[in-house]
PDB file of all heavy atoms in Angstrom:
ATOM      1  N   THR A   1       1.779  10.097   9.631  1.00  0.00           N
ATOM      2  CA  THR A   1       3.189   9.856   9.343  1.00  0.00           C
ATOM      3  C   THR A   1       4.049  10.777  10.195  1.00  0.00           C
ATOM      4  O   THR A   1       3.673  11.895  10.498  1.00  0.00           O
ATOM      5  CB  THR A   1       3.498  10.089   7.842  1.00  0.00           C
ATOM      6  OG1 THR A   1       3.063  11.379   7.472  1.00  0.00           O
ATOM      7  CG2 THR A   1       2.816   9.049   6.978  1.00  0.00           C
ATOM      8  N   ARG A   2       5.211  10.281  10.570  1.00  0.00           N
ATOM      9  CA  ARG A   2       6.087  11.061  11.449  1.00  0.00           C
ATOM     10  C   ARG A   2       7.215  11.741  10.697  1.00  0.00           C
ATOM     11  O   ARG A   2       7.938  12.545  11.245  1.00  0.00           O
ATOM     12  CB  ARG A   2       6.669  10.163  12.541  1.00  0.00           C
ATOM     13  CG  ARG A   2       7.573   9.084  11.987  1.00  0.00           C
ATOM     14  CD  ARG A   2       8.158   8.219  13.066  1.00  0.00           C
ATOM     15  NE  ARG A   2       9.124   7.316  12.441  1.00  0.00           N
ATOM     16  CZ  ARG A   2      10.072   6.723  13.086  1.00  0.00           C
ATOM     17  NH1 ARG A   2      10.209   6.912  14.369  1.00  0.00           N
ATOM     18  NH2 ARG A   2      10.897   5.932  12.463  1.00  0.00           N
ATOM     19  N   ASP A   3       7.357  11.420   9.436  1.00  0.00           N
ATOM     20  CA  ASP A   3       8.495  11.885   8.656  1.00  0.00           C
ATOM     21  C   ASP A   3       7.991  12.421   7.314  1.00  0.00           C
ATOM     22  O   ASP A   3       7.008  11.899   6.769  1.00  0.00           O
ATOM     23  CB  ASP A   3       9.436  10.688   8.448  1.00  0.00           C
ATOM     24  CG  ASP A   3      10.676  11.020   7.673  1.00  0.00           C
ATOM     25  OD1 ASP A   3      11.641  11.503   8.285  1.00  0.00           O
ATOM     26  OD2 ASP A   3      10.673  10.798   6.449  1.00  0.00           O
ATOM     27  N   ILE A   4       8.662  13.413   6.771  1.00  0.00           N
ATOM     28  CA  ILE A   4       8.249  13.978   5.487  1.00  0.00           C
ATOM     29  C   ILE A   4       8.357  12.939   4.375  1.00  0.00           C
ATOM     30  O   ILE A   4       7.504  12.874   3.494  1.00  0.00           O
ATOM     31  CB  ILE A   4       9.063  15.247   5.159  1.00  0.00           C
ATOM     32  CG1 ILE A   4       8.742  16.344   6.187  1.00  0.00           C
ATOM     33  CG2 ILE A   4       8.770  15.732   3.752  1.00  0.00           C
ATOM     34  CD1 ILE A   4       9.658  17.552   6.124  1.00  0.00           C
ATOM     35  N   SER A   5       9.378  12.100   4.429  1.00  0.00           N
ATOM     36  CA  SER A   5       9.525  11.049   3.414  1.00  0.00           C
ATOM     37  C   SER A   5       8.317  10.131   3.411  1.00  0.00           C
ATOM     38  O   SER A   5       7.791   9.765   2.357  1.00  0.00           O
ATOM     39  CB  SER A   5      10.779  10.218   3.678  1.00  0.00           C
ATOM     40  OG  SER A   5      11.911  11.036   3.733  1.00  0.00           O
ATOM     41  N   ALA A   6       7.873   9.757   4.591  1.00  0.00           N
ATOM     42  CA  ALA A   6       6.696   8.894   4.706  1.00  0.00           C
ATOM     43  C   ALA A   6       5.446   9.619   4.235  1.00  0.00           C
ATOM     44  O   ALA A   6       4.584   9.028   3.582  1.00  0.00           O
ATOM     45  CB  ALA A   6       6.525   8.420   6.149  1.00  0.00           C
ATOM     46  N   ALA A   7       5.347  10.913   4.522  1.00  0.00           N
ATOM     47  CA  ALA A   7       4.194  11.689   4.069  1.00  0.00           C
ATOM     48  C   ALA A   7       4.144  11.720   2.546  1.00  0.00           C
ATOM     49  O   ALA A   7       3.059  11.599   1.954  1.00  0.00           O
ATOM     50  CB  ALA A   7       4.247  13.102   4.633  1.00  0.00           C
ATOM     51  N   VAL A   8       5.283  11.847   1.900  1.00  0.00           N
ATOM     52  CA  VAL A   8       5.334  11.841   0.436  1.00  0.00           C
ATOM     53  C   VAL A   8       4.893  10.478  -0.088  1.00  0.00           C
ATOM     54  O   VAL A   8       4.044  10.386  -0.987  1.00  0.00           O
ATOM     55  CB  VAL A   8       6.744  12.216  -0.082  1.00  0.00           C
ATOM     56  CG1 VAL A   8       6.866  11.985  -1.586  1.00  0.00           C
ATOM     57  CG2 VAL A   8       7.077  13.660   0.270  1.00  0.00           C
ATOM     58  N   ALA A   9       5.431   9.402   0.468  1.00  0.00           N
ATOM     59  CA  ALA A   9       5.078   8.049   0.022  1.00  0.00           C
ATOM     60  C   ALA A   9       3.585   7.780   0.203  1.00  0.00           C
ATOM     61  O   ALA A   9       2.919   7.292  -0.715  1.00  0.00           O
ATOM     62  CB  ALA A   9       5.907   7.005   0.778  1.00  0.00           C
ATOM     63  N   VAL A  10       3.073   8.107   1.379  1.00  0.00           N
ATOM     64  CA  VAL A  10       1.652   7.887   1.656  1.00  0.00           C
ATOM     65  C   VAL A  10       0.801   8.799   0.782  1.00  0.00           C
ATOM     66  O   VAL A  10      -0.239   8.392   0.260  1.00  0.00           O
ATOM     67  CB  VAL A  10       1.344   8.077   3.156  1.00  0.00           C
ATOM     68  CG1 VAL A  10      -0.156   8.021   3.431  1.00  0.00           C
ATOM     69  CG2 VAL A  10       2.068   7.008   3.981  1.00  0.00           C
ATOM     70  N   GLY A  11       1.253  10.035   0.588  1.00  0.00           N
ATOM     71  CA  GLY A  11       0.537  10.959  -0.287  1.00  0.00           C
ATOM     72  C   GLY A  11       0.396  10.427  -1.703  1.00  0.00           C
ATOM     73  O   GLY A  11      -0.679  10.518  -2.300  1.00  0.00           O
ATOM     74  N   TYR A  12       1.464   9.844  -2.236  1.00  0.00           N
ATOM     75  CA  TYR A  12       1.392   9.247  -3.568  1.00  0.00           C
ATOM     76  C   TYR A  12       0.459   8.039  -3.566  1.00  0.00           C
ATOM     77  O   TYR A  12      -0.387   7.905  -4.443  1.00  0.00           O
ATOM     78  CB  TYR A  12       2.773   8.795  -4.056  1.00  0.00           C
ATOM     79  CG  TYR A  12       3.716   9.903  -4.442  1.00  0.00           C
ATOM     80  CD1 TYR A  12       5.089   9.728  -4.316  1.00  0.00           C
ATOM     81  CD2 TYR A  12       3.268  11.117  -4.952  1.00  0.00           C
ATOM     82  CE1 TYR A  12       5.983  10.722  -4.679  1.00  0.00           C
ATOM     83  CE2 TYR A  12       4.156  12.126  -5.308  1.00  0.00           C
ATOM     84  CZ  TYR A  12       5.509  11.917  -5.175  1.00  0.00           C
ATOM     85  OH  TYR A  12       6.394  12.899  -5.534  1.00  0.00           O
ATOM     86  N   ALA A  13       0.648   7.147  -2.606  1.00  0.00           N
ATOM     87  CA  ALA A  13      -0.136   5.909  -2.571  1.00  0.00           C
ATOM     88  C   ALA A  13      -1.628   6.187  -2.422  1.00  0.00           C
ATOM     89  O   ALA A  13      -2.451   5.500  -3.036  1.00  0.00           O
ATOM     90  CB  ALA A  13       0.350   5.000  -1.441  1.00  0.00           C
ATOM     91  N   LEU A  14      -1.976   7.175  -1.606  1.00  0.00           N
ATOM     92  CA  LEU A  14      -3.393   7.481  -1.351  1.00  0.00           C
ATOM     93  C   LEU A  14      -3.936   8.547  -2.296  1.00  0.00           C
ATOM     94  O   LEU A  14      -5.069   8.995  -2.144  1.00  0.00           O
ATOM     95  CB  LEU A  14      -3.571   7.912   0.102  1.00  0.00           C
ATOM     96  CG  LEU A  14      -3.152   6.887   1.154  1.00  0.00           C
ATOM     97  CD1 LEU A  14      -3.375   7.441   2.550  1.00  0.00           C
ATOM     98  CD2 LEU A  14      -3.888   5.569   0.960  1.00  0.00           C
ATOM     99  N   ARG A  15      -3.101   8.974  -3.225  1.00  0.00           N
ATOM    100  CA  ARG A  15      -3.489   9.974  -4.235  1.00  0.00           C
ATOM    101  C   ARG A  15      -3.887  11.317  -3.617  1.00  0.00           C
ATOM    102  O   ARG A  15      -4.738  12.029  -4.137  1.00  0.00           O
ATOM    103  CB  ARG A  15      -4.590   9.436  -5.129  1.00  0.00           C
ATOM    104  CG  ARG A  15      -4.190   8.177  -5.862  1.00  0.00           C
ATOM    105  CD  ARG A  15      -5.339   7.569  -6.638  1.00  0.00           C
ATOM    106  NE  ARG A  15      -5.025   6.225  -7.071  1.00  0.00           N
ATOM    107  CZ  ARG A  15      -4.399   5.915  -8.205  1.00  0.00           C
ATOM    108  NH1 ARG A  15      -4.012   6.866  -9.009  1.00  0.00           N
ATOM    109  NH2 ARG A  15      -4.158   4.665  -8.516  1.00  0.00           N
ATOM    110  N   ALA A  16      -3.249  11.636  -2.520  1.00  0.00           N
ATOM    111  CA  ALA A  16      -3.499  12.920  -1.856  1.00  0.00           C
ATOM    112  C   ALA A  16      -2.660  14.029  -2.472  1.00  0.00           C
ATOM    113  O   ALA A  16      -2.978  15.199  -2.331  1.00  0.00           O
ATOM    114  CB  ALA A  16      -3.203  12.807  -0.365  1.00  0.00           C
ATOM    115  N   ILE A  17      -1.568  13.642  -3.131  1.00  0.00           N
ATOM    116  CA  ILE A  17      -0.732  14.595  -3.862  1.00  0.00           C
ATOM    117  C   ILE A  17      -0.537  14.042  -5.272  1.00  0.00           C
ATOM    118  O   ILE A  17      -0.699  12.835  -5.499  1.00  0.00           O
ATOM    119  CB  ILE A  17       0.638  14.854  -3.176  1.00  0.00           C
ATOM    120  CG1 ILE A  17       1.456  13.570  -3.046  1.00  0.00           C
ATOM    121  CG2 ILE A  17       0.439  15.512  -1.813  1.00  0.00           C
ATOM    122  CD1 ILE A  17       2.857  13.768  -2.500  1.00  0.00           C
ATOM    123  N   GLY A  18      -0.207  14.929  -6.188  1.00  0.00           N
ATOM    124  CA  GLY A  18      -0.013  14.506  -7.570  1.00  0.00           C
ATOM    125  C   GLY A  18       1.161  13.555  -7.710  1.00  0.00           C
ATOM    126  O   GLY A  18       2.230  13.804  -7.161  1.00  0.00           O
ATOM    127  N   ARG A  19       0.931  12.474  -8.412  1.00  0.00           N
ATOM    128  CA  ARG A  19       2.001  11.498  -8.632  1.00  0.00           C
ATOM    129  C   ARG A  19       2.966  12.012  -9.697  1.00  0.00           C
ATOM    130  O   ARG A  19       2.554  12.641 -10.654  1.00  0.00           O
ATOM    131  CB  ARG A  19       1.415  10.153  -9.060  1.00  0.00           C
ATOM    132  CG  ARG A  19       0.679   9.470  -7.924  1.00  0.00           C
ATOM    133  CD  ARG A  19       0.222   8.106  -8.329  1.00  0.00           C
ATOM    134  NE  ARG A  19      -0.376   7.426  -7.197  1.00  0.00           N
ATOM    135  CZ  ARG A  19      -0.851   6.186  -7.265  1.00  0.00           C
ATOM    136  NH1 ARG A  19      -0.796   5.520  -8.390  1.00  0.00           N
ATOM    137  NH2 ARG A  19      -1.381   5.636  -6.196  1.00  0.00           N
ATOM    138  N   PRO A  20       4.238  11.710  -9.510  1.00  0.00           N
ATOM    139  CA  PRO A  20       5.225  12.187 -10.487  1.00  0.00           C
ATOM    140  C   PRO A  20       5.150  11.405 -11.796  1.00  0.00           C
ATOM    141  O   PRO A  20       4.658  10.279 -11.835  1.00  0.00           O
ATOM    142  CB  PRO A  20       6.557  11.947  -9.777  1.00  0.00           C
ATOM    143  CG  PRO A  20       6.297  10.797  -8.866  1.00  0.00           C
ATOM    144  CD  PRO A  20       4.857  10.948  -8.424  1.00  0.00           C
ATOM    145  N   VAL A  21       5.675  12.011 -12.827  1.00  0.00           N
ATOM    146  CA  VAL A  21       5.724  11.378 -14.142  1.00  0.00           C
ATOM    147  C   VAL A  21       6.681  10.187 -14.068  1.00  0.00           C
ATOM    148  O   VAL A  21       7.823  10.332 -13.617  1.00  0.00           O
ATOM    149  CB  VAL A  21       6.211  12.385 -15.206  1.00  0.00           C
ATOM    150  CG1 VAL A  21       6.377  11.722 -16.565  1.00  0.00           C
ATOM    151  CG2 VAL A  21       5.269  13.563 -15.276  1.00  0.00           C
ATOM    152  N   PRO A  22       6.234   9.002 -14.500  1.00  0.00           N
ATOM    153  CA  PRO A  22       7.127   7.830 -14.479  1.00  0.00           C
ATOM    154  C   PRO A  22       8.305   8.004 -15.438  1.00  0.00           C
ATOM    155  O   PRO A  22       8.196   8.662 -16.462  1.00  0.00           O
ATOM    156  CB  PRO A  22       6.229   6.680 -14.941  1.00  0.00           C
ATOM    157  CG  PRO A  22       4.839   7.174 -14.839  1.00  0.00           C
ATOM    158  CD  PRO A  22       4.897   8.663 -14.961  1.00  0.00           C
ATOM    159  N   LEU A  23       9.412   7.387 -15.052  1.00  0.00           N
ATOM    160  CA  LEU A  23      10.620   7.385 -15.873  1.00  0.00           C
ATOM    161  C   LEU A  23      10.986   5.938 -16.186  1.00  0.00           C
ATOM    162  O   LEU A  23      10.490   5.007 -15.543  1.00  0.00           O
ATOM    163  CB  LEU A  23      11.770   8.082 -15.135  1.00  0.00           C
ATOM    164  CG  LEU A  23      11.536   9.546 -14.772  1.00  0.00           C
ATOM    165  CD1 LEU A  23      12.662  10.059 -13.892  1.00  0.00           C
ATOM    166  CD2 LEU A  23      11.391  10.397 -16.012  1.00  0.00           C
ATOM    167  N   ASP A  24      11.875   5.735 -17.117  1.00  0.00           N
ATOM    168  CA  ASP A  24      12.300   4.404 -17.519  1.00  0.00           C
ATOM    169  C   ASP A  24      13.041   3.718 -16.371  1.00  0.00           C
ATOM    170  O   ASP A  24      14.120   4.175 -15.975  1.00  0.00           O
ATOM    171  CB  ASP A  24      13.207   4.512 -18.745  1.00  0.00           C
ATOM    172  CG  ASP A  24      13.772   3.171 -19.181  1.00  0.00           C
ATOM    173  OD1 ASP A  24      13.260   2.109 -18.768  1.00  0.00           O
ATOM    174  OD2 ASP A  24      14.756   3.185 -19.955  1.00  0.00           O
ATOM    175  N   PRO A  25      12.463   2.619 -15.831  1.00  0.00           N
ATOM    176  CA  PRO A  25      13.129   1.919 -14.723  1.00  0.00           C
ATOM    177  C   PRO A  25      14.525   1.418 -15.076  1.00  0.00           C
ATOM    178  O   PRO A  25      15.372   1.276 -14.204  1.00  0.00           O
ATOM    179  CB  PRO A  25      12.199   0.737 -14.416  1.00  0.00           C
ATOM    180  CG  PRO A  25      10.882   1.123 -14.994  1.00  0.00           C
ATOM    181  CD  PRO A  25      11.189   2.012 -16.172  1.00  0.00           C
ATOM    182  N   GLY A  26      14.782   1.176 -16.352  1.00  0.00           N
ATOM    183  CA  GLY A  26      16.096   0.707 -16.777  1.00  0.00           C
ATOM    184  C   GLY A  26      17.157   1.792 -16.782  1.00  0.00           C
ATOM    185  O   GLY A  26      18.341   1.509 -16.960  1.00  0.00           O
ATOM    186  N   ALA A  27      16.738   3.030 -16.561  1.00  0.00           N
ATOM    187  CA  ALA A  27      17.677   4.155 -16.605  1.00  0.00           C
ATOM    188  C   ALA A  27      18.449   4.332 -15.305  1.00  0.00           C
ATOM    189  O   ALA A  27      19.336   5.168 -15.231  1.00  0.00           O
ATOM    190  CB  ALA A  27      16.929   5.440 -16.939  1.00  0.00           C
ATOM    191  N   VAL A  28      18.100   3.556 -14.291  1.00  0.00           N
ATOM    192  CA  VAL A  28      18.783   3.696 -13.000  1.00  0.00           C
ATOM    193  C   VAL A  28      19.388   2.344 -12.612  1.00  0.00           C
ATOM    194  O   VAL A  28      18.767   1.301 -12.795  1.00  0.00           O
ATOM    195  CB  VAL A  28      17.819   4.230 -11.908  1.00  0.00           C
ATOM    196  CG1 VAL A  28      16.742   3.232 -11.575  1.00  0.00           C
ATOM    197  CG2 VAL A  28      18.563   4.633 -10.668  1.00  0.00           C
ATOM    198  N   CYS A  29      20.603   2.400 -12.109  1.00  0.00           N
ATOM    199  CA  CYS A  29      21.309   1.184 -11.703  1.00  0.00           C
ATOM    200  C   CYS A  29      21.680   1.311 -10.225  1.00  0.00           C
ATOM    201  O   CYS A  29      22.521   2.136  -9.864  1.00  0.00           O
ATOM    202  CB  CYS A  29      22.552   0.996 -12.563  1.00  0.00           C
ATOM    203  SG  CYS A  29      23.444  -0.524 -12.181  1.00  0.00           S
ATOM    204  N   LEU A  30      21.016   0.516  -9.412  1.00  0.00           N
ATOM    205  CA  LEU A  30      21.276   0.536  -7.970  1.00  0.00           C
ATOM    206  C   LEU A  30      21.638  -0.864  -7.506  1.00  0.00           C
ATOM    207  O   LEU A  30      21.129  -1.858  -8.035  1.00  0.00           O
ATOM    208  CB  LEU A  30      20.034   1.001  -7.210  1.00  0.00           C
ATOM    209  CG  LEU A  30      19.503   2.395  -7.503  1.00  0.00           C
ATOM    210  CD1 LEU A  30      18.184   2.604  -6.784  1.00  0.00           C
ATOM    211  CD2 LEU A  30      20.514   3.450  -7.092  1.00  0.00           C
ATOM    212  N   LEU A  31      22.484  -0.923  -6.506  1.00  0.00           N
ATOM    213  CA  LEU A  31      22.801  -2.203  -5.879  1.00  0.00           C
ATOM    214  C   LEU A  31      21.619  -2.675  -5.044  1.00  0.00           C
ATOM    215  O   LEU A  31      20.789  -1.866  -4.592  1.00  0.00           O
ATOM    216  CB  LEU A  31      24.030  -2.056  -4.979  1.00  0.00           C
ATOM    217  CG  LEU A  31      25.336  -1.660  -5.658  1.00  0.00           C
ATOM    218  CD1 LEU A  31      26.414  -1.407  -4.610  1.00  0.00           C
ATOM    219  CD2 LEU A  31      25.777  -2.730  -6.636  1.00  0.00           C
ATOM    220  N   ARG A  32      21.538  -3.970  -4.820  1.00  0.00           N
ATOM    221  CA  ARG A  32      20.461  -4.547  -4.009  1.00  0.00           C
ATOM    222  C   ARG A  32      20.410  -3.888  -2.630  1.00  0.00           C
ATOM    223  O   ARG A  32      19.342  -3.552  -2.126  1.00  0.00           O
ATOM    224  CB  ARG A  32      20.668  -6.062  -3.851  1.00  0.00           C
ATOM    225  CG  ARG A  32      19.615  -6.741  -2.958  1.00  0.00           C
ATOM    226  CD  ARG A  32      19.946  -8.210  -2.712  1.00  0.00           C
ATOM    227  NE  ARG A  32      21.281  -8.444  -2.214  1.00  0.00           N
ATOM    228  CZ  ARG A  32      21.658  -8.331  -0.942  1.00  0.00           C
ATOM    229  NH1 ARG A  32      20.802  -7.949  -0.024  1.00  0.00           N
ATOM    230  NH2 ARG A  32      22.904  -8.576  -0.575  1.00  0.00           N
ATOM    231  N   GLU A  33      21.576  -3.647  -2.032  1.00  0.00           N
ATOM    232  CA  GLU A  33      21.638  -3.044  -0.697  1.00  0.00           C
ATOM    233  C   GLU A  33      21.058  -1.627  -0.694  1.00  0.00           C
ATOM    234  O   GLU A  33      20.467  -1.197   0.294  1.00  0.00           O
ATOM    235  CB  GLU A  33      23.082  -3.009  -0.186  1.00  0.00           C
ATOM    236  CG  GLU A  33      23.685  -4.368   0.082  1.00  0.00           C
ATOM    237  CD  GLU A  33      24.253  -5.054  -1.163  1.00  0.00           C
ATOM    238  OE1 GLU A  33      24.219  -4.458  -2.266  1.00  0.00           O
ATOM    239  OE2 GLU A  33      24.724  -6.193  -1.039  1.00  0.00           O
ATOM    240  N   GLU A  34      21.243  -0.920  -1.778  1.00  0.00           N
ATOM    241  CA  GLU A  34      20.694   0.432  -1.895  1.00  0.00           C
ATOM    242  C   GLU A  34      19.183   0.370  -2.083  1.00  0.00           C
ATOM    243  O   GLU A  34      18.432   1.105  -1.437  1.00  0.00           O
ATOM    244  CB  GLU A  34      21.355   1.174  -3.063  1.00  0.00           C
ATOM    245  CG  GLU A  34      22.839   1.405  -2.855  1.00  0.00           C
ATOM    246  CD  GLU A  34      23.608   1.731  -4.126  1.00  0.00           C
ATOM    247  OE1 GLU A  34      23.007   1.813  -5.215  1.00  0.00           O
ATOM    248  OE2 GLU A  34      24.830   1.894  -4.013  1.00  0.00           O
ATOM    249  N   ARG A  35      18.730  -0.528  -2.942  1.00  0.00           N
ATOM    250  CA  ARG A  35      17.285  -0.689  -3.189  1.00  0.00           C
ATOM    251  C   ARG A  35      16.535  -1.089  -1.922  1.00  0.00           C
ATOM    252  O   ARG A  35      15.393  -0.690  -1.730  1.00  0.00           O
ATOM    253  CB  ARG A  35      17.031  -1.730  -4.273  1.00  0.00           C
ATOM    254  CG  ARG A  35      17.296  -1.227  -5.660  1.00  0.00           C
ATOM    255  CD  ARG A  35      17.016  -2.326  -6.697  1.00  0.00           C
ATOM    256  NE  ARG A  35      17.332  -1.869  -8.015  1.00  0.00           N
ATOM    257  CZ  ARG A  35      16.447  -1.333  -8.853  1.00  0.00           C
ATOM    258  NH1 ARG A  35      15.186  -1.229  -8.510  1.00  0.00           N
ATOM    259  NH2 ARG A  35      16.826  -0.919 -10.046  1.00  0.00           N
ATOM    260  N   GLU A  36      17.175  -1.897  -1.099  1.00  0.00           N
ATOM    261  CA  GLU A  36      16.529  -2.346   0.150  1.00  0.00           C
ATOM    262  C   GLU A  36      16.185  -1.185   1.075  1.00  0.00           C
ATOM    263  O   GLU A  36      15.279  -1.294   1.897  1.00  0.00           O
ATOM    264  CB  GLU A  36      17.447  -3.312   0.908  1.00  0.00           C
ATOM    265  CG  GLU A  36      17.504  -4.700   0.358  1.00  0.00           C
ATOM    266  CD  GLU A  36      18.477  -5.583   1.130  1.00  0.00           C
ATOM    267  OE1 GLU A  36      19.277  -5.074   1.940  1.00  0.00           O
ATOM    268  OE2 GLU A  36      18.425  -6.802   0.904  1.00  0.00           O
ATOM    269  N   LEU A  37      16.904  -0.092   0.948  1.00  0.00           N
ATOM    270  CA  LEU A  37      16.673   1.055   1.822  1.00  0.00           C
ATOM    271  C   LEU A  37      15.459   1.882   1.405  1.00  0.00           C
ATOM    272  O   LEU A  37      14.884   2.599   2.231  1.00  0.00           O
ATOM    273  CB  LEU A  37      17.909   1.949   1.872  1.00  0.00           C
ATOM    274  CG  LEU A  37      19.184   1.311   2.412  1.00  0.00           C
ATOM    275  CD1 LEU A  37      20.316   2.327   2.434  1.00  0.00           C
ATOM    276  CD2 LEU A  37      18.968   0.711   3.785  1.00  0.00           C
ATOM    277  N   VAL A  38      15.048   1.794   0.155  1.00  0.00           N
ATOM    278  CA  VAL A  38      13.967   2.641  -0.355  1.00  0.00           C
ATOM    279  C   VAL A  38      12.679   2.495   0.454  1.00  0.00           C
ATOM    280  O   VAL A  38      12.139   3.497   0.933  1.00  0.00           O
ATOM    281  CB  VAL A  38      13.728   2.415  -1.862  1.00  0.00           C
ATOM    282  CG1 VAL A  38      12.456   3.101  -2.333  1.00  0.00           C
ATOM    283  CG2 VAL A  38      14.933   2.909  -2.661  1.00  0.00           C
ATOM    284  N   PRO A  39      12.142   1.283   0.650  1.00  0.00           N
ATOM    285  CA  PRO A  39      10.900   1.197   1.425  1.00  0.00           C
ATOM    286  C   PRO A  39      11.076   1.609   2.887  1.00  0.00           C
ATOM    287  O   PRO A  39      10.130   2.097   3.518  1.00  0.00           O
ATOM    288  CB  PRO A  39      10.470  -0.264   1.308  1.00  0.00           C
ATOM    289  CG  PRO A  39      11.637  -0.997   0.759  1.00  0.00           C
ATOM    290  CD  PRO A  39      12.539  -0.006   0.106  1.00  0.00           C
ATOM    291  N   LEU A  40      12.270   1.468   3.400  1.00  0.00           N
ATOM    292  CA  LEU A  40      12.529   1.865   4.789  1.00  0.00           C
ATOM    293  C   LEU A  40      12.533   3.389   4.907  1.00  0.00           C
ATOM    294  O   LEU A  40      11.995   3.947   5.873  1.00  0.00           O
ATOM    295  CB  LEU A  40      13.847   1.271   5.272  1.00  0.00           C
ATOM    296  CG  LEU A  40      13.956  -0.256   5.169  1.00  0.00           C
ATOM    297  CD1 LEU A  40      15.320  -0.734   5.640  1.00  0.00           C
ATOM    298  CD2 LEU A  40      12.846  -0.942   5.930  1.00  0.00           C
ATOM    299  N   ILE A  41      13.122   4.058   3.930  1.00  0.00           N
ATOM    300  CA  ILE A  41      13.088   5.518   3.891  1.00  0.00           C
ATOM    301  C   ILE A  41      11.646   5.979   3.736  1.00  0.00           C
ATOM    302  O   ILE A  41      11.203   6.915   4.392  1.00  0.00           O
ATOM    303  CB  ILE A  41      13.991   6.055   2.761  1.00  0.00           C
ATOM    304  CG1 ILE A  41      15.466   5.833   3.112  1.00  0.00           C
ATOM    305  CG2 ILE A  41      13.708   7.532   2.484  1.00  0.00           C
ATOM    306  CD1 ILE A  41      16.435   6.104   1.980  1.00  0.00           C
ATOM    307  N   ALA A  42      10.916   5.292   2.858  1.00  0.00           N
ATOM    308  CA  ALA A  42       9.513   5.654   2.622  1.00  0.00           C
ATOM    309  C   ALA A  42       8.654   5.466   3.873  1.00  0.00           C
ATOM    310  O   ALA A  42       7.653   6.155   4.035  1.00  0.00           O
ATOM    311  CB  ALA A  42       8.951   4.824   1.468  1.00  0.00           C
ATOM    312  N   ARG A  43       9.040   4.569   4.738  1.00  0.00           N
ATOM    313  CA  ARG A  43       8.318   4.383   6.005  1.00  0.00           C
ATOM    314  C   ARG A  43       8.734   5.407   7.050  1.00  0.00           C
ATOM    315  O   ARG A  43       8.141   5.487   8.113  1.00  0.00           O
ATOM    316  CB  ARG A  43       8.565   2.967   6.549  1.00  0.00           C
ATOM    317  CG  ARG A  43       7.787   1.932   5.789  1.00  0.00           C
ATOM    318  CD  ARG A  43       8.038   0.499   6.209  1.00  0.00           C
ATOM    319  NE  ARG A  43       8.395   0.276   7.576  1.00  0.00           N
ATOM    320  CZ  ARG A  43       9.129  -0.761   7.993  1.00  0.00           C
ATOM    321  NH1 ARG A  43       9.588  -1.649   7.132  1.00  0.00           N
ATOM    322  NH2 ARG A  43       9.412  -0.908   9.268  1.00  0.00           N
ATOM    323  N   GLY A  44       9.793   6.162   6.760  1.00  0.00           N
ATOM    324  CA  GLY A  44      10.239   7.196   7.679  1.00  0.00           C
ATOM    325  C   GLY A  44      11.254   6.726   8.696  1.00  0.00           C
ATOM    326  O   GLY A  44      11.504   7.406   9.690  1.00  0.00           O
ATOM    327  N   LEU A  45      11.883   5.570   8.450  1.00  0.00           N
ATOM    328  CA  LEU A  45      12.882   5.068   9.389  1.00  0.00           C
ATOM    329  C   LEU A  45      14.178   5.854   9.261  1.00  0.00           C
ATOM    330  O   LEU A  45      14.566   6.254   8.164  1.00  0.00           O
ATOM    331  CB  LEU A  45      13.164   3.589   9.134  1.00  0.00           C
ATOM    332  CG  LEU A  45      11.995   2.613   9.259  1.00  0.00           C
ATOM    333  CD1 LEU A  45      12.486   1.186   9.072  1.00  0.00           C
ATOM    334  CD2 LEU A  45      11.276   2.763  10.575  1.00  0.00           C
ATOM    335  N   GLY A  46      14.853   6.044  10.381  1.00  0.00           N
ATOM    336  CA  GLY A  46      16.152   6.685  10.392  1.00  0.00           C
ATOM    337  C   GLY A  46      17.250   5.664  10.157  1.00  0.00           C
ATOM    338  O   GLY A  46      16.996   4.456  10.125  1.00  0.00           O
TER     339      GLY A  46
END
């Protein structure tokens, strides 16, 4: 990975780092446009 964000995402997915405690998905309200950015940030895109 080229970016720390991507390293965190890959670390969680591959169980190389401890996964965080899940929270209630209904507790957060994001617009579709904001949600679309999450996987891109996780891939390390600028």
